[in-house]
Amino acid sequence: MALVTGANRHLGGTIAAFMAAEGARVACNDRDAAVAEETAAVIRARGGEALAVPGDITDEATVAAIVRRVVDTYGYVDVLVNNAGVQSKGSLLEVPLDDWQRQLSVYLTGPLLLTRAVARVLIAQGRPGSIINILSTSAHQGRPGTIAYCTAKGGQLNFTRAAAMDLAPYGIRVNAITPTALEHSVVQASAAAGGARPTFGATLTAEDFLRGIPLGRLPRTTDIAHAAVFLASDEASMITGHDLHVDGGALARYWAWVPGATRPVTLEEYRRTQARELAWGEERASDHG
């Protein structure tokens, strides 16, 4: 039984849909009740079993109620995917305190509350479990103009390691997945910005993202969902405290090497030949129009 936070039609919803396709019953959380129900309804329409459990994951009483409802409905929860997120711009010199606190709360306090609540249920029931935290390459690098996001994601990385050690005696594994900028977000943001993608203090175009990926393709929600299914499975039973990079080699490359510099590609060419417009992990008919 899997509980997935931030379960919108893109990343969280795709992870939830992939878990359901493997036979898991899924609880879909989002702060927006309509978003959580939409994803749950899609999963049910595909023959899966899903429950919408909306609510603010940074509120302890709300988290307790979410986990209690899941356990009351399904009897247990043995997979948790901490995917919920919020991101707003702001450099060290500019970030409003409210933005700083909100991002730290969503990326650190929320996973703490959820992981602790789920772990207590697992320990009481004597069950093993799998906790998966969705990170970002910003957890590993100093990205200009995103001081709160980088700090929060960096904290999430070491939260993963520390939680893995605390929960290892109970057979509960804690791992992370690090994607980089996802294909749909780059394509959509670039379209909205007329081809340029200003990002929080540094102007980066979609082509800049493409040139930095050694594999030549941005990760899709399906790539992350496959990794999440693996980490939740018995095949990963000896993996804990690990951060799985699903980033096309972005973090592994030497910093001065720009792999796409010798094979430049425009966003329009990429969109036409490679990009996939995915909803809950499924291509739509309009993708190649």
C-alpha atoms as a PDB file:
ATOM      1  CA  MET A   1       0.000   0.000   0.000  1.00  0.00           C
ATOM      2  CA  ALA A   2       1.634   3.238  -1.186  1.00  0.00           C
ATOM      3  CA  LEU A   3       1.067   6.818  -0.024  1.00  0.00           C
ATOM      4  CA  VAL A   4       2.289   9.400  -2.554  1.00  0.00           C
ATOM      5  CA  THR A   5       2.387  13.124  -1.799  1.00  0.00           C
ATOM      6  CA  GLY A   6       2.224  15.858  -4.406  1.00  0.00           C
ATOM      7  CA  ALA A   7       0.203  13.455  -6.569  1.00  0.00           C
ATOM      8  CA  ASN A   8      -0.642  15.752  -9.466  1.00  0.00           C
ATOM      9  CA  ARG A   9      -0.959  14.722 -13.109  1.00  0.00           C
ATOM     10  CA  HIS A  10       2.777  14.939 -13.671  1.00  0.00           C
ATOM     11  CA  LEU A  11       5.443  13.453 -11.392  1.00  0.00           C
ATOM     12  CA  GLY A  12       3.527  12.426  -8.274  1.00  0.00           C
ATOM     13  CA  GLY A  13       0.553  11.176 -10.242  1.00  0.00           C
ATOM     14  CA  THR A  14       2.782   9.149 -12.555  1.00  0.00           C
ATOM     15  CA  ILE A  15       4.550   7.540  -9.599  1.00  0.00           C
ATOM     16  CA  ALA A  16       1.161   6.709  -8.066  1.00  0.00           C
ATOM     17  CA  ALA A  17      -0.110   5.291 -11.363  1.00  0.00           C
ATOM     18  CA  PHE A  18       3.003   3.140 -11.800  1.00  0.00           C
ATOM     19  CA  MET A  19       2.690   1.826  -8.241  1.00  0.00           C
ATOM     20  CA  ALA A  20      -0.938   0.951  -8.936  1.00  0.00           C
ATOM     21  CA  ALA A  21       0.002  -0.774 -12.201  1.00  0.00           C
ATOM     22  CA  GLU A  22       2.281  -3.046 -10.154  1.00  0.00           C
ATOM     23  CA  GLY A  23      -0.675  -4.020  -7.982  1.00  0.00           C
ATOM     24  CA  ALA A  24      -0.297  -1.583  -5.109  1.00  0.00           C
ATOM     25  CA  ARG A  25      -3.265   0.153  -3.567  1.00  0.00           C
ATOM     26  CA  VAL A  26      -2.473   3.852  -3.615  1.00  0.00           C
ATOM     27  CA  ALA A  27      -3.363   6.865  -1.488  1.00  0.00           C
ATOM     28  CA  CYS A  28      -2.957  10.134  -3.404  1.00  0.00           C
ATOM     29  CA  ASN A  29      -2.148  13.253  -1.413  1.00  0.00           C
ATOM     30  CA  ASP A  30      -2.104  16.849  -2.543  1.00  0.00           C
ATOM     31  CA  ARG A  31      -2.853  20.079  -0.744  1.00  0.00           C
ATOM     32  CA  ASP A  32      -5.540  20.657  -3.397  1.00  0.00           C
ATOM     33  CA  ALA A  33      -8.354  18.128  -2.860  1.00  0.00           C
ATOM     34  CA  ALA A  34      -9.417  18.300  -6.526  1.00  0.00           C
ATOM     35  CA  VAL A  35      -5.903  17.396  -7.682  1.00  0.00           C
ATOM     36  CA  ALA A  36      -5.683  14.416  -5.321  1.00  0.00           C
ATOM     37  CA  GLU A  37      -9.103  13.142  -6.393  1.00  0.00           C
ATOM     38  CA  GLU A  38      -8.326  13.590 -10.085  1.00  0.00           C
ATOM     39  CA  THR A  39      -5.271  11.329  -9.865  1.00  0.00           C
ATOM     40  CA  ALA A  40      -7.117   8.769  -7.742  1.00  0.00           C
ATOM     41  CA  ALA A  41      -9.954   8.743 -10.284  1.00  0.00           C
ATOM     42  CA  VAL A  42      -7.534   8.144 -13.172  1.00  0.00           C
ATOM     43  CA  ILE A  43      -6.018   5.187 -11.328  1.00  0.00           C
ATOM     44  CA  ARG A  44      -9.448   3.725 -10.576  1.00  0.00           C
ATOM     45  CA  ALA A  45     -10.468   4.173 -14.235  1.00  0.00           C
ATOM     46  CA  ARG A  46      -7.436   2.080 -15.191  1.00  0.00           C
ATOM     47  CA  GLY A  47      -8.554  -0.726 -12.894  1.00  0.00           C
ATOM     48  CA  GLY A  48      -6.453   0.169  -9.861  1.00  0.00           C
ATOM     49  CA  GLU A  49      -7.484   0.885  -6.296  1.00  0.00           C
ATOM     50  CA  ALA A  50      -6.873   4.452  -5.142  1.00  0.00           C
ATOM     51  CA  LEU A  51      -7.957   6.847  -2.423  1.00  0.00           C
ATOM     52  CA  ALA A  52      -7.638  10.641  -2.336  1.00  0.00           C
ATOM     53  CA  VAL A  53      -6.218  11.928   0.971  1.00  0.00           C
ATOM     54  CA  PRO A  54      -5.791  15.701   0.546  1.00  0.00           C
ATOM     55  CA  GLY A  55      -4.198  17.891   3.169  1.00  0.00           C
ATOM     56  CA  ASP A  56      -1.263  20.058   4.186  1.00  0.00           C
ATOM     57  CA  ILE A  57       1.707  17.801   4.943  1.00  0.00           C
ATOM     58  CA  THR A  58       3.410  20.480   7.054  1.00  0.00           C
ATOM     59  CA  ASP A  59       0.667  20.299   9.699  1.00  0.00           C
ATOM     60  CA  GLU A  60       1.195  17.516  12.248  1.00  0.00           C
ATOM     61  CA  ALA A  61      -2.487  16.949  13.006  1.00  0.00           C
ATOM     62  CA  THR A  62      -3.307  16.780   9.285  1.00  0.00           C
ATOM     63  CA  VAL A  63      -0.517  14.256   8.661  1.00  0.00           C
ATOM     64  CA  ALA A  64      -1.783  12.102  11.538  1.00  0.00           C
ATOM     65  CA  ALA A  65      -5.292  12.203  10.063  1.00  0.00           C
ATOM     66  CA  ILE A  66      -4.027  11.288   6.574  1.00  0.00           C
ATOM     67  CA  VAL A  67      -2.076   8.280   7.804  1.00  0.00           C
ATOM     68  CA  ARG A  68      -4.937   7.217  10.081  1.00  0.00           C
ATOM     69  CA  ARG A  69      -7.385   7.317   7.164  1.00  0.00           C
ATOM     70  CA  VAL A  70      -5.057   5.250   4.985  1.00  0.00           C
ATOM     71  CA  VAL A  71      -4.592   2.642   7.720  1.00  0.00           C
ATOM     72  CA  ASP A  72      -8.312   2.584   8.535  1.00  0.00           C
ATOM     73  CA  THR A  73      -9.084   2.016   4.847  1.00  0.00           C
ATOM     74  CA  TYR A  74      -6.361  -0.447   3.860  1.00  0.00           C
ATOM     75  CA  GLY A  75      -5.051  -1.785   7.152  1.00  0.00           C
ATOM     76  CA  TYR A  76      -1.464  -0.671   6.629  1.00  0.00           C
ATOM     77  CA  VAL A  77       0.888   1.495   4.578  1.00  0.00           C
ATOM     78  CA  ASP A  78       4.309   0.132   3.632  1.00  0.00           C
ATOM     79  CA  VAL A  79       5.476   2.562   0.933  1.00  0.00           C
ATOM     80  CA  LEU A  80       5.734   6.338   1.293  1.00  0.00           C
ATOM     81  CA  VAL A  81       6.850   8.659  -1.503  1.00  0.00           C
ATOM     82  CA  ASN A  82       7.699  12.157  -0.261  1.00  0.00           C
ATOM     83  CA  ASN A  83       7.227  14.096  -3.497  1.00  0.00           C
ATOM     84  CA  ALA A  84       5.249  17.205  -2.509  1.00  0.00           C
ATOM     85  CA  GLY A  85       7.005  20.425  -3.363  1.00  0.00           C
ATOM     86  CA  VAL A  86       6.827  24.166  -3.754  1.00  0.00           C
ATOM     87  CA  GLN A  87       9.446  26.414  -5.306  1.00  0.00           C
ATOM     88  CA  SER A  88       9.747  30.178  -5.461  1.00  0.00           C
ATOM     89  CA  LYS A  89      12.600  32.387  -6.543  1.00  0.00           C
ATOM     90  CA  GLY A  90      14.943  34.341  -4.384  1.00  0.00           C
ATOM     91  CA  SER A  91      18.676  34.682  -3.905  1.00  0.00           C
ATOM     92  CA  LEU A  92      20.390  34.926  -0.524  1.00  0.00           C
ATOM     93  CA  LEU A  93      20.077  38.705  -0.663  1.00  0.00           C
ATOM     94  CA  GLU A  94      16.453  38.741  -1.781  1.00  0.00           C
ATOM     95  CA  VAL A  95      14.486  35.741  -0.535  1.00  0.00           C
ATOM     96  CA  PRO A  96      11.491  36.711   1.621  1.00  0.00           C
ATOM     97  CA  LEU A  97      11.524  34.966   4.977  1.00  0.00           C
ATOM     98  CA  ASP A  98       8.047  33.553   4.335  1.00  0.00           C
ATOM     99  CA  ASP A  99       9.266  31.879   1.125  1.00  0.00           C
ATOM    100  CA  TRP A 100      12.322  30.483   2.906  1.00  0.00           C
ATOM    101  CA  GLN A 101      10.252  29.047   5.747  1.00  0.00           C
ATOM    102  CA  ARG A 102       7.590  27.645   3.421  1.00  0.00           C
ATOM    103  CA  GLN A 103      10.082  25.719   1.300  1.00  0.00           C
ATOM    104  CA  LEU A 104      11.944  24.331   4.309  1.00  0.00           C
ATOM    105  CA  SER A 105       8.618  23.356   5.822  1.00  0.00           C
ATOM    106  CA  VAL A 106       7.392  21.492   2.716  1.00  0.00           C
ATOM    107  CA  TYR A 107      10.697  19.763   1.921  1.00  0.00           C
ATOM    108  CA  LEU A 108      11.917  19.023   5.458  1.00  0.00           C
ATOM    109  CA  THR A 109       9.134  19.256   8.030  1.00  0.00           C
ATOM    110  CA  GLY A 110       6.596  17.479   5.810  1.00  0.00           C
ATOM    111  CA  PRO A 111       8.830  14.460   5.105  1.00  0.00           C
ATOM    112  CA  LEU A 112       9.777  14.299   8.792  1.00  0.00           C
ATOM    113  CA  LEU A 113       6.137  14.207   9.898  1.00  0.00           C
ATOM    114  CA  LEU A 114       5.058  11.722   7.238  1.00  0.00           C
ATOM    115  CA  THR A 115       8.073   9.444   7.575  1.00  0.00           C
ATOM    116  CA  ARG A 116       7.695   9.349  11.350  1.00  0.00           C
ATOM    117  CA  ALA A 117       3.950   8.690  11.209  1.00  0.00           C
ATOM    118  CA  VAL A 118       4.293   5.902   8.635  1.00  0.00           C
ATOM    119  CA  ALA A 119       7.307   4.395  10.422  1.00  0.00           C
ATOM    120  CA  ARG A 120       5.429   4.236  13.711  1.00  0.00           C
ATOM    121  CA  VAL A 121       2.620   2.289  12.022  1.00  0.00           C
ATOM    122  CA  LEU A 122       5.105  -0.089  10.390  1.00  0.00           C
ATOM    123  CA  ILE A 123       6.971  -0.673  13.649  1.00  0.00           C
ATOM    124  CA  ALA A 124       3.754  -1.277  15.588  1.00  0.00           C
ATOM    125  CA  GLN A 125       2.641  -3.817  12.970  1.00  0.00           C
ATOM    126  CA  GLY A 126       6.073  -5.424  12.630  1.00  0.00           C
ATOM    127  CA  ARG A 127       6.195  -4.711   8.898  1.00  0.00           C
ATOM    128  CA  PRO A 128       9.151  -3.723   6.720  1.00  0.00           C
ATOM    129  CA  GLY A 129       8.687  -0.679   4.525  1.00  0.00           C
ATOM    130  CA  SER A 130      10.162   1.648   1.936  1.00  0.00           C
ATOM    131  CA  ILE A 131      10.378   5.442   2.165  1.00  0.00           C
ATOM    132  CA  ILE A 132      11.363   7.321  -1.008  1.00  0.00           C
ATOM    133  CA  ASN A 133      12.278  11.018  -1.090  1.00  0.00           C
ATOM    134  CA  ILE A 134      12.232  12.877  -4.411  1.00  0.00           C
ATOM    135  CA  LEU A 135      15.178  15.270  -4.535  1.00  0.00           C
ATOM    136  CA  SER A 136      16.747  17.427  -7.261  1.00  0.00           C
ATOM    137  CA  THR A 137      20.197  18.126  -8.664  1.00  0.00           C
ATOM    138  CA  SER A 138      19.827  21.314  -6.605  1.00  0.00           C
ATOM    139  CA  ALA A 139      20.382  19.102  -3.545  1.00  0.00           C
ATOM    140  CA  HIS A 140      23.955  18.623  -4.750  1.00  0.00           C
ATOM    141  CA  GLN A 141      24.855  21.941  -6.396  1.00  0.00           C
ATOM    142  CA  GLY A 142      24.662  25.649  -5.704  1.00  0.00           C
ATOM    143  CA  ARG A 143      22.128  26.961  -8.179  1.00  0.00           C
ATOM    144  CA  PRO A 144      21.965  30.766  -8.254  1.00  0.00           C
ATOM    145  CA  GLY A 145      18.751  32.463  -7.249  1.00  0.00           C
ATOM    146  CA  THR A 146      17.279  29.447  -5.421  1.00  0.00           C
ATOM    147  CA  ILE A 147      18.802  29.637  -1.946  1.00  0.00           C
ATOM    148  CA  ALA A 148      15.772  28.207  -0.126  1.00  0.00           C
ATOM    149  CA  TYR A 149      15.211  25.400  -2.639  1.00  0.00           C
ATOM    150  CA  CYS A 150      18.874  24.346  -2.692  1.00  0.00           C
ATOM    151  CA  THR A 151      19.076  24.443   1.100  1.00  0.00           C
ATOM    152  CA  ALA A 152      15.873  22.459   1.566  1.00  0.00           C
ATOM    153  CA  LYS A 153      16.780  19.829  -1.027  1.00  0.00           C
ATOM    154  CA  GLY A 154      20.278  19.503   0.394  1.00  0.00           C
ATOM    155  CA  GLY A 155      18.733  18.932   3.795  1.00  0.00           C
ATOM    156  CA  GLN A 156      16.423  16.310   2.324  1.00  0.00           C
ATOM    157  CA  LEU A 157      19.447  14.412   1.026  1.00  0.00           C
ATOM    158  CA  ASN A 158      20.984  14.056   4.468  1.00  0.00           C
ATOM    159  CA  PHE A 159      17.557  13.507   6.018  1.00  0.00           C
ATOM    160  CA  THR A 160      17.381  10.442   3.773  1.00  0.00           C
ATOM    161  CA  ARG A 161      20.683   9.108   5.090  1.00  0.00           C
ATOM    162  CA  ALA A 162      19.954   9.842   8.745  1.00  0.00           C
ATOM    163  CA  ALA A 163      16.426   8.421   8.590  1.00  0.00           C
ATOM    164  CA  ALA A 164      17.790   5.302   6.901  1.00  0.00           C
ATOM    165  CA  MET A 165      20.089   4.715   9.852  1.00  0.00           C
ATOM    166  CA  ASP A 166      17.360   5.338  12.438  1.00  0.00           C
ATOM    167  CA  LEU A 167      14.919   2.969  10.744  1.00  0.00           C
ATOM    168  CA  ALA A 168      17.292   0.231   9.564  1.00  0.00           C
ATOM    169  CA  PRO A 169      16.851  -1.834  12.764  1.00  0.00           C
ATOM    170  CA  TYR A 170      13.139  -2.103  11.927  1.00  0.00           C
ATOM    171  CA  GLY A 171      13.609  -3.234   8.333  1.00  0.00           C
ATOM    172  CA  ILE A 172      12.382   0.105   6.974  1.00  0.00           C
ATOM    173  CA  ARG A 173      14.458   1.342   4.059  1.00  0.00           C
ATOM    174  CA  VAL A 174      14.843   5.042   3.230  1.00  0.00           C
ATOM    175  CA  ASN A 175      16.173   6.114  -0.175  1.00  0.00           C
ATOM    176  CA  ALA A 176      16.113   9.093  -2.506  1.00  0.00           C
ATOM    177  CA  ILE A 177      15.806   9.742  -6.212  1.00  0.00           C
ATOM    178  CA  THR A 178      17.549  12.713  -7.820  1.00  0.00           C
ATOM    179  CA  PRO A 179      16.139  13.865 -11.145  1.00  0.00           C
ATOM    180  CA  THR A 180      17.186  17.028 -12.907  1.00  0.00           C
ATOM    181  CA  ALA A 181      14.868  19.477 -14.675  1.00  0.00           C
ATOM    182  CA  LEU A 182      12.028  17.351 -16.016  1.00  0.00           C
ATOM    183  CA  GLU A 183      11.210  17.403 -19.694  1.00  0.00           C
ATOM    184  CA  HIS A 184       7.631  18.584 -19.371  1.00  0.00           C
ATOM    185  CA  SER A 185       8.544  21.442 -17.024  1.00  0.00           C
ATOM    186  CA  VAL A 186      11.291  22.755 -19.312  1.00  0.00           C
ATOM    187  CA  VAL A 187       9.129  22.551 -22.428  1.00  0.00           C
ATOM    188  CA  GLN A 188       6.110  24.137 -20.759  1.00  0.00           C
ATOM    189  CA  ALA A 189       8.052  26.896 -19.021  1.00  0.00           C
ATOM    190  CA  SER A 190       9.917  27.745 -22.201  1.00  0.00           C
ATOM    191  CA  ALA A 191       6.697  27.958 -24.171  1.00  0.00           C
ATOM    192  CA  ALA A 192       5.224  30.271 -21.541  1.00  0.00           C
ATOM    193  CA  ALA A 193       8.341  32.468 -21.652  1.00  0.00           C
ATOM    194  CA  GLY A 194       8.457  32.619 -25.441  1.00  0.00           C
ATOM    195  CA  GLY A 195      11.427  30.265 -25.731  1.00  0.00           C
ATOM    196  CA  ALA A 196      13.615  31.723 -22.979  1.00  0.00           C
ATOM    197  CA  ARG A 197      13.487  30.281 -19.501  1.00  0.00           C
ATOM    198  CA  PRO A 198      14.495  32.822 -16.884  1.00  0.00           C
ATOM    199  CA  THR A 199      15.150  30.871 -13.705  1.00  0.00           C
ATOM    200  CA  PHE A 200      15.548  32.646 -10.404  1.00  0.00           C
ATOM    201  CA  GLY A 201      18.428  35.024 -10.872  1.00  0.00           C
ATOM    202  CA  ALA A 202      20.138  33.397 -13.856  1.00  0.00           C
ATOM    203  CA  THR A 203      18.729  33.389 -17.364  1.00  0.00           C
ATOM    204  CA  LEU A 204      18.820  29.851 -18.704  1.00  0.00           C
ATOM    205  CA  THR A 205      17.221  28.798 -21.954  1.00  0.00           C
ATOM    206  CA  ALA A 206      15.776  25.372 -22.607  1.00  0.00           C
ATOM    207  CA  GLU A 207      18.748  24.776 -24.891  1.00  0.00           C
ATOM    208  CA  ASP A 208      21.086  25.334 -21.929  1.00  0.00           C
ATOM    209  CA  PHE A 209      19.384  22.467 -20.117  1.00  0.00           C
ATOM    210  CA  LEU A 210      19.578  20.233 -23.175  1.00  0.00           C
ATOM    211  CA  ARG A 211      23.280  20.923 -23.742  1.00  0.00           C
ATOM    212  CA  GLY A 212      24.114  19.917 -20.174  1.00  0.00           C
ATOM    213  CA  ILE A 213      22.655  16.381 -20.335  1.00  0.00           C
ATOM    214  CA  PRO A 214      25.208  13.764 -21.456  1.00  0.00           C
ATOM    215  CA  LEU A 215      22.469  11.382 -22.627  1.00  0.00           C
ATOM    216  CA  GLY A 216      20.916  14.140 -24.728  1.00  0.00           C
ATOM    217  CA  ARG A 217      17.420  13.825 -23.274  1.00  0.00           C
ATOM    218  CA  LEU A 218      15.776  15.384 -20.259  1.00  0.00           C
ATOM    219  CA  PRO A 219      14.262  12.957 -17.733  1.00  0.00           C
ATOM    220  CA  ARG A 220      10.541  12.278 -17.949  1.00  0.00           C
ATOM    221  CA  THR A 221       8.118  11.553 -15.152  1.00  0.00           C
ATOM    222  CA  THR A 222       8.088   7.925 -16.301  1.00  0.00           C
ATOM    223  CA  ASP A 223      11.855   7.638 -15.736  1.00  0.00           C
ATOM    224  CA  ILE A 224      11.425   8.724 -12.125  1.00  0.00           C
ATOM    225  CA  ALA A 225       8.390   6.481 -11.629  1.00  0.00           C
ATOM    226  CA  HIS A 226      10.296   3.397 -12.827  1.00  0.00           C
ATOM    227  CA  ALA A 227      13.022   4.167 -10.284  1.00  0.00           C
ATOM    228  CA  ALA A 228      10.468   4.632  -7.498  1.00  0.00           C
ATOM    229  CA  VAL A 229       8.807   1.301  -8.273  1.00  0.00           C
ATOM    230  CA  PHE A 230      12.210  -0.381  -8.129  1.00  0.00           C
ATOM    231  CA  LEU A 231      13.165   1.178  -4.781  1.00  0.00           C
ATOM    232  CA  ALA A 232       9.802   0.164  -3.337  1.00  0.00           C
ATOM    233  CA  SER A 233      10.180  -3.434  -4.519  1.00  0.00           C
ATOM    234  CA  ASP A 234      11.744  -6.509  -2.945  1.00  0.00           C
ATOM    235  CA  GLU A 235      14.460  -6.334  -5.609  1.00  0.00           C
ATOM    236  CA  ALA A 236      15.820  -3.320  -3.688  1.00  0.00           C
ATOM    237  CA  SER A 237      15.656  -5.008  -0.288  1.00  0.00           C
ATOM    238  CA  MET A 238      19.379  -4.426   0.392  1.00  0.00           C
ATOM    239  CA  ILE A 239      19.353  -0.762  -0.626  1.00  0.00           C
ATOM    240  CA  THR A 240      18.964   1.925   2.005  1.00  0.00           C
ATOM    241  CA  GLY A 241      20.415   5.387   2.535  1.00  0.00           C
ATOM    242  CA  HIS A 242      21.023   5.588  -1.217  1.00  0.00           C
ATOM    243  CA  ASP A 243      20.418   8.475  -3.618  1.00  0.00           C
ATOM    244  CA  LEU A 244      19.624   7.168  -7.105  1.00  0.00           C
ATOM    245  CA  HIS A 245      20.486   9.690  -9.820  1.00  0.00           C
ATOM    246  CA  VAL A 246      18.000   9.633 -12.697  1.00  0.00           C
ATOM    247  CA  ASP A 247      19.432  12.666 -14.455  1.00  0.00           C
ATOM    248  CA  GLY A 248      20.962  11.520 -17.750  1.00  0.00           C
ATOM    249  CA  GLY A 249      24.452  11.887 -16.285  1.00  0.00           C
ATOM    250  CA  ALA A 250      24.063  15.556 -15.356  1.00  0.00           C
ATOM    251  CA  LEU A 251      25.698  15.250 -11.925  1.00  0.00           C
ATOM    252  CA  ALA A 252      28.402  12.843 -13.064  1.00  0.00           C
ATOM    253  CA  ARG A 253      29.839  14.998 -15.843  1.00  0.00           C
ATOM    254  CA  TYR A 254      32.962  17.108 -15.467  1.00  0.00           C
ATOM    255  CA  TRP A 255      31.805  20.664 -14.758  1.00  0.00           C
ATOM    256  CA  ALA A 256      33.654  22.300 -17.670  1.00  0.00           C
ATOM    257  CA  TRP A 257      32.414  19.835 -20.269  1.00  0.00           C
ATOM    258  CA  VAL A 258      29.219  20.837 -22.088  1.00  0.00           C
ATOM    259  CA  PRO A 259      28.189  17.612 -23.848  1.00  0.00           C
ATOM    260  CA  GLY A 260      25.693  19.258 -26.178  1.00  0.00           C
ATOM    261  CA  ALA A 261      27.995  22.017 -27.389  1.00  0.00           C
ATOM    262  CA  THR A 262      29.084  19.960 -30.414  1.00  0.00           C
ATOM    263  CA  ARG A 263      25.545  18.832 -31.244  1.00  0.00           C
ATOM    264  CA  PRO A 264      23.389  21.901 -30.636  1.00  0.00           C
ATOM    265  CA  VAL A 265      19.655  21.344 -30.672  1.00  0.00           C
ATOM    266  CA  THR A 266      16.847  23.877 -30.530  1.00  0.00           C
ATOM    267  CA  LEU A 267      13.923  23.475 -28.193  1.00  0.00           C
ATOM    268  CA  GLU A 268      11.570  23.260 -31.164  1.00  0.00           C
ATOM    269  CA  GLU A 269      13.573  20.410 -32.673  1.00  0.00           C
ATOM    270  CA  TYR A 270      13.692  18.632 -29.334  1.00  0.00           C
ATOM    271  CA  ARG A 271       9.976  19.101 -28.783  1.00  0.00           C
ATOM    272  CA  ARG A 272       9.221  17.754 -32.257  1.00  0.00           C
ATOM    273  CA  THR A 273      11.537  14.736 -32.185  1.00  0.00           C
ATOM    274  CA  GLN A 274      11.919  13.658 -28.545  1.00  0.00           C
ATOM    275  CA  ALA A 275       9.622  15.373 -26.052  1.00  0.00           C
ATOM    276  CA  ARG A 276       6.585  13.513 -24.759  1.00  0.00           C
ATOM    277  CA  GLU A 277       3.598  15.254 -23.208  1.00  0.00           C
ATOM    278  CA  LEU A 278       2.701  12.800 -20.439  1.00  0.00           C
ATOM    279  CA  ALA A 279      -0.206  12.780 -18.023  1.00  0.00           C
ATOM    280  CA  TRP A 280      -0.075  10.153 -15.257  1.00  0.00           C
ATOM    281  CA  GLY A 281       2.633   8.393 -17.297  1.00  0.00           C
ATOM    282  CA  GLU A 282       0.607   7.994 -20.468  1.00  0.00           C
ATOM    283  CA  GLU A 283       1.210   9.717 -23.805  1.00  0.00           C
ATOM    284  CA  ARG A 284      -1.686  11.685 -25.245  1.00  0.00           C
ATOM    285  CA  ALA A 285      -2.733  11.568 -28.884  1.00  0.00           C
ATOM    286  CA  SER A 286      -1.735  15.201 -29.395  1.00  0.00           C
ATOM    287  CA  ASP A 287       1.885  14.594 -28.445  1.00  0.00           C
ATOM    288  CA  HIS A 288       3.208  14.397 -31.972  1.00  0.00           C
ATOM    289  CA  GLY A 289       0.898  16.889 -33.621  1.00  0.00           C
END
